[in-house]
C-alpha atoms as a PDB file:
ATOM      1  CA  MET A   1     -35.471-113.622   0.735  1.00  0.00           C
ATOM      2  CA  PRO A   2     -33.614-111.168  -2.037  1.00  0.00           C
ATOM      3  CA  ILE A   3     -32.508-107.767  -0.309  1.00  0.00           C
ATOM      4  CA  TYR A   4     -33.038-104.797  -2.894  1.00  0.00           C
ATOM      5  CA  GLU A   5     -31.517-100.886  -2.673  1.00  0.00           C
ATOM      6  CA  TYR A   6     -33.295 -97.812  -3.083  1.00  0.00           C
ATOM      7  CA  HIS A   7     -31.837 -94.188  -2.769  1.00  0.00           C
ATOM      8  CA  CYS A   8     -34.216 -91.273  -2.121  1.00  0.00           C
ATOM      9  CA  ALA A   9     -34.171 -88.247  -4.700  1.00  0.00           C
ATOM     10  CA  GLN A  10     -35.099 -85.822  -1.942  1.00  0.00           C
ATOM     11  CA  CYS A  11     -32.899 -86.662   1.063  1.00  0.00           C
ATOM     12  CA  GLY A  12     -30.200 -88.278  -0.986  1.00  0.00           C
ATOM     13  CA  LYS A  13     -29.935 -91.641   1.537  1.00  0.00           C
ATOM     14  CA  ASP A  14     -29.525 -94.823   0.802  1.00  0.00           C
ATOM     15  CA  PHE A  15     -31.839 -97.409   1.942  1.00  0.00           C
ATOM     16  CA  GLU A  16     -31.972-101.984   1.994  1.00  0.00           C
ATOM     17  CA  PHE A  17     -35.239-103.278   2.246  1.00  0.00           C
ATOM     18  CA  MET A  18     -35.869-107.333   2.531  1.00  0.00           C
ATOM     19  CA  GLN A  19     -38.436-107.706   0.314  1.00  0.00           C
ATOM     20  CA  LYS A  20     -40.454-110.512  -2.084  1.00  0.00           C
ATOM     21  CA  PHE A  21     -39.997-110.944  -5.822  1.00  0.00           C
ATOM     22  CA  SER A  22     -43.659-110.754  -5.204  1.00  0.00           C
ATOM     23  CA  ASP A  23     -43.575-107.671  -3.781  1.00  0.00           C
ATOM     24  CA  PRO A  24     -44.093-103.942  -5.382  1.00  0.00           C
ATOM     25  CA  PRO A  25     -41.204-101.700  -5.566  1.00  0.00           C
ATOM     26  CA  ARG A  26     -40.927 -99.235  -2.557  1.00  0.00           C
ATOM     27  CA  MET A  27     -41.916 -95.968  -3.813  1.00  0.00           C
ATOM     28  CA  VAL A  28     -41.770 -93.080  -0.471  1.00  0.00           C
ATOM     29  CA  CYS A  29     -38.459 -92.352   1.708  1.00  0.00           C
ATOM     30  CA  PRO A  30     -39.281 -93.570   5.221  1.00  0.00           C
ATOM     31  CA  ASP A  31     -37.284 -90.466   6.483  1.00  0.00           C
ATOM     32  CA  CYS A  32     -38.417 -87.731   4.677  1.00  0.00           C
ATOM     33  CA  GLY A  33     -41.667 -88.877   2.297  1.00  0.00           C
ATOM     34  CA  GLY A  34     -39.201 -88.286  -1.226  1.00  0.00           C
ATOM     35  CA  GLU A  35     -39.304 -90.572  -3.909  1.00  0.00           C
ATOM     36  CA  LEU A  36     -37.556 -93.710  -3.710  1.00  0.00           C
ATOM     37  CA  LYS A  37     -35.563 -95.154  -6.936  1.00  0.00           C
ATOM     38  CA  LYS A  38     -34.725 -98.808  -7.303  1.00  0.00           C
ATOM     39  CA  LEU A  39     -30.770 -99.073  -7.496  1.00  0.00           C
ATOM     40  CA  ILE A  40     -29.206-101.902  -9.734  1.00  0.00           C
ATOM     41  CA  SER A  41     -26.506-103.463  -7.133  1.00  0.00           C
ATOM     42  CA  GLN A  42     -23.429-106.313  -7.412  1.00  0.00           C
ATOM     43  CA  CYS A  43     -25.174-109.360  -5.830  1.00  0.00           C
ATOM     44  CA  THR A  44     -22.135-111.468  -4.009  1.00  0.00           C
ATOM     45  CA  PHE A  45     -22.739-115.415  -3.336  1.00  0.00           C
ATOM     46  CA  HIS A  46     -20.452-118.085  -2.323  1.00  0.00           C
ATOM     47  CA  LEU A  47     -20.648-120.872  -4.495  1.00  0.00           C
ATOM     48  CA  LYS A  48     -19.935-124.117  -2.010  1.00  0.00           C
ATOM     49  CA  GLY A  49     -19.936-127.731  -1.846  1.00  0.00           C
ATOM     50  CA  THR A  50     -18.922-130.255  -4.894  1.00  0.00           C
ATOM     51  CA  GLY A  51     -19.306-130.120  -8.510  1.00  0.00           C
ATOM     52  CA  TRP A  52     -18.064-126.803  -9.176  1.00  0.00           C
ATOM     53  CA  TYR A  53     -15.649-125.318 -11.956  1.00  0.00           C
ATOM     54  CA  ALA A  54     -13.098-124.352  -9.402  1.00  0.00           C
ATOM     55  CA  THR A  55     -13.153-127.536  -6.856  1.00  0.00           C
ATOM     56  CA  ASP A  56     -13.631-130.333  -9.159  1.00  0.00           C
ATOM     57  CA  TYR A  57     -13.133-129.791 -13.032  1.00  0.00           C
ATOM     58  CA  ALA A  58     -10.007-127.712 -13.329  1.00  0.00           C
ATOM     59  CA  HIS A  59      -7.926-130.351 -14.211  1.00  0.00           C
ATOM     60  CA  LYS A  60      -9.806-132.462 -16.180  1.00  0.00           C
ATOM     61  CA  ASN A  61     -10.107-130.125 -19.145  1.00  0.00           C
ATOM     62  CA  SER A  62      -7.028-128.708 -18.897  1.00  0.00           C
ATOM     63  CA  PRO A  63      -5.147-128.437 -22.273  1.00  0.00           C
ATOM     64  CA  SER A  64      -1.690-129.167 -20.717  1.00  0.00           C
ATOM     65  CA  GLY A  65      -2.667-133.419 -21.329  1.00  0.00           C
ATOM     66  CA  THR A  66      -2.720-133.820 -17.587  1.00  0.00           C
ATOM     67  CA  SER A  67      -5.608-136.388 -18.282  1.00  0.00           C
ATOM     68  CA  GLN A  68      -3.527-137.830 -21.524  1.00  0.00           C
ATOM     69  CA  LYS A  69      -0.490-138.452 -18.407  1.00  0.00           C
ATOM     70  CA  SER A  70      -2.797-140.247 -15.534  1.00  0.00           C
ATOM     71  CA  HIS A  71      -3.932-142.424 -18.189  1.00  0.00           C
ATOM     72  CA  GLN A  72      -0.842-143.708 -19.460  1.00  0.00           C
ATOM     73  CA  LYS A  73       0.222-144.328 -15.908  1.00  0.00           C
ATOM     74  CA  GLN A  74      -2.922-145.958 -15.456  1.00  0.00           C
ATOM     75  CA  GLU A  75      -2.356-148.268 -18.513  1.00  0.00           C
ATOM     76  CA  THR A  76       1.667-149.164 -16.995  1.00  0.00           C
ATOM     77  CA  LYS A  77       0.123-150.340 -13.773  1.00  0.00           C
ATOM     78  CA  THR A  78      -1.845-152.693 -15.561  1.00  0.00           C
ATOM     79  CA  GLU A  79       0.691-153.806 -17.949  1.00  0.00           C
ATOM     80  CA  LYS A  80       3.126-154.286 -14.940  1.00  0.00           C
ATOM     81  CA  LYS A  81       0.533-156.583 -13.132  1.00  0.00           C
ATOM     82  CA  LYS A  82      -0.129-158.518 -16.577  1.00  0.00           C
ATOM     83  CA  LYS A  83       3.569-159.223 -16.497  1.00  0.00           C
ATOM     84  CA  ALA A  84       3.425-160.140 -12.657  1.00  0.00           C
ATOM     85  CA  THR A  85       0.806-162.784 -12.912  1.00  0.00           C
ATOM     86  CA  SER A  86       1.966-164.093 -16.418  1.00  0.00           C
ATOM     87  CA  LYS A  87       3.593-167.886 -16.367  1.00  0.00           C
ATOM     88  CA  PRO A  88       6.837-167.688 -18.320  1.00  0.00           C
ATOM     89  CA  GLU A  89       6.753-170.091 -21.656  1.00  0.00           C
ATOM     90  CA  SER A  90       8.773-173.124 -21.324  1.00  0.00           C
ATOM     91  CA  ALA A  91      10.945-173.846 -24.463  1.00  0.00           C
END
């Protein structure tokens, strides 16, 4: 459930309430009975797990061409294996 912040216009206190999305907004201050105004606040969250840009995709599309370099390295390893396993031609 999200946490919503409210500010009382009469006493000046700020409140946080856990509410469902479907719950109506609070209108009355629990301390003084004044009018509450819903605040727009910054929410914080942390992305965890695989698949997020910072952990998995940062190097794949980098402009420095790191994906090309790794592809070239892979080709040279394959070429070396082919040369090592191929039979020399007899003349």
